Amino acid sequence: MLNFVTGEKDNPQAVLIRGIENFKGPGILSRELKVNNSFYGEDLNNSNRIWIENSHKKNDFYTASRVGIDYAGDKWKNKPWRFILM
């Protein structure tokens, strides 16, 4: 999976990249990008292997409820915390 943890230790906050054009699903995406478990714990602030760039492009997106987390209860599974680029 391609998952960016953004919070401090013991304060879990993360962004899961589930897919990009032509690569649907986190497993396929990470395999095609050649992201493997050697990236676990990689610090994006000083990595030479992986980073995030500003595109300076305005993207339209919509929100939806999260998927695959029925165990979390109605309050959390229905939060519109899934962001989809149009």
Protein backbone atom coordinates (compact mmCIF):
# COMPACT_ATOMS: atom_id res chain seq x y z
CA MET A 1 0.00 0.00 0.00
CA LEU A 2 1.00 3.60 -0.46
CA ASN A 3 0.14 5.16 2.87
CA PHE A 4 1.54 8.46 4.12
CA VAL A 5 1.45 8.87 7.89
CA THR A 6 1.23 12.56 8.68
CA GLY A 7 0.80 12.73 12.44
CA GLU A 8 3.24 12.52 15.30
CA LYS A 9 3.90 9.24 17.09
CA ASP A 10 0.81 7.97 19.00
CA ASN A 11 -1.42 10.41 17.06
CA PRO A 12 -2.44 8.37 14.02
CA GLN A 13 -3.20 10.45 10.95
CA ALA A 14 -2.60 9.12 7.47
CA VAL A 15 -3.47 9.35 3.80
CA LEU A 16 -3.90 6.14 1.83
CA ILE A 17 -3.39 6.47 -1.91
CA ARG A 18 -5.68 3.76 -3.30
CA GLY A 19 -5.16 4.41 -6.98
CA ILE A 20 -4.19 6.78 -9.74
CA GLU A 21 -5.10 6.79 -13.41
CA ASN A 22 -4.81 3.30 -14.89
CA PHE A 23 -3.70 1.79 -11.57
CA LYS A 24 -6.72 0.90 -9.45
CA GLY A 25 -6.13 -0.53 -6.00
CA PRO A 26 -3.32 0.08 -3.52
CA GLY A 27 -1.53 -3.21 -4.25
CA ILE A 28 -1.37 -2.63 -8.00
CA LEU A 29 -0.38 1.00 -7.50
CA SER A 30 2.52 0.28 -5.17
CA ARG A 31 3.74 -2.61 -7.33
CA GLU A 32 3.75 -0.45 -10.49
CA LEU A 33 5.54 2.37 -8.65
CA LYS A 34 8.01 -0.19 -7.24
CA VAL A 35 7.18 0.80 -3.68
CA ASN A 36 7.89 -2.16 -1.41
CA ASN A 37 8.37 -2.76 2.30
CA SER A 38 11.85 -1.21 2.19
CA PHE A 39 10.02 2.15 2.16
CA TYR A 40 8.40 1.45 5.54
CA GLY A 41 9.20 4.33 7.87
CA GLU A 42 10.72 6.42 5.09
CA ASP A 43 10.90 10.07 6.15
CA LEU A 44 9.47 12.22 3.36
CA ASN A 45 11.28 15.26 4.74
CA ASN A 46 14.68 13.93 3.77
CA SER A 47 14.20 10.93 1.47
CA ASN A 48 16.04 10.68 -1.83
CA ARG A 49 13.75 7.82 -2.95
CA ILE A 50 10.23 9.17 -2.52
CA TRP A 51 8.72 12.61 -2.08
CA ILE A 52 5.56 14.64 -2.66
CA GLU A 53 5.57 17.64 -4.97
CA ASN A 54 3.19 20.55 -5.37
CA SER A 55 1.59 20.44 -8.78
CA HIS A 56 0.24 24.00 -8.56
CA LYS A 57 -2.70 22.63 -10.52
CA LYS A 58 -6.21 23.18 -9.24
CA ASN A 59 -8.05 19.88 -9.02
CA ASP A 60 -11.76 19.43 -8.49
CA PHE A 61 -12.69 16.62 -6.16
CA TYR A 62 -15.65 15.21 -4.34
CA THR A 63 -15.96 13.41 -1.05
CA ALA A 64 -17.57 10.09 -0.25
CA SER A 65 -17.91 7.81 2.72
CA ARG A 66 -15.01 5.54 3.49
CA VAL A 67 -14.94 1.91 2.35
CA GLY A 68 -14.03 -1.31 4.10
CA ILE A 69 -14.37 -0.02 7.65
CA ASP A 70 -17.79 -1.31 8.72
CA TYR A 71 -16.15 -2.41 11.98
CA ALA A 72 -15.68 1.25 12.97
CA GLY A 73 -19.42 1.88 13.41
CA ASP A 74 -21.81 4.17 11.55
CA LYS A 75 -20.30 7.43 12.83
CA TRP A 76 -16.84 6.72 11.43
CA LYS A 77 -17.65 4.68 8.35
CA ASN A 78 -20.00 7.40 7.09
CA LYS A 79 -17.56 10.29 7.48
CA PRO A 80 -16.89 11.90 4.08
CA TRP A 81 -13.17 11.32 4.42
CA ARG A 82 -12.66 9.70 1.02
CA PHE A 83 -11.46 12.25 -1.52
CA ILE A 84 -11.78 11.50 -5.22
CA LEU A 85 -10.31 13.68 -7.95
CA MET A 86 -12.62 14.41 -10.86
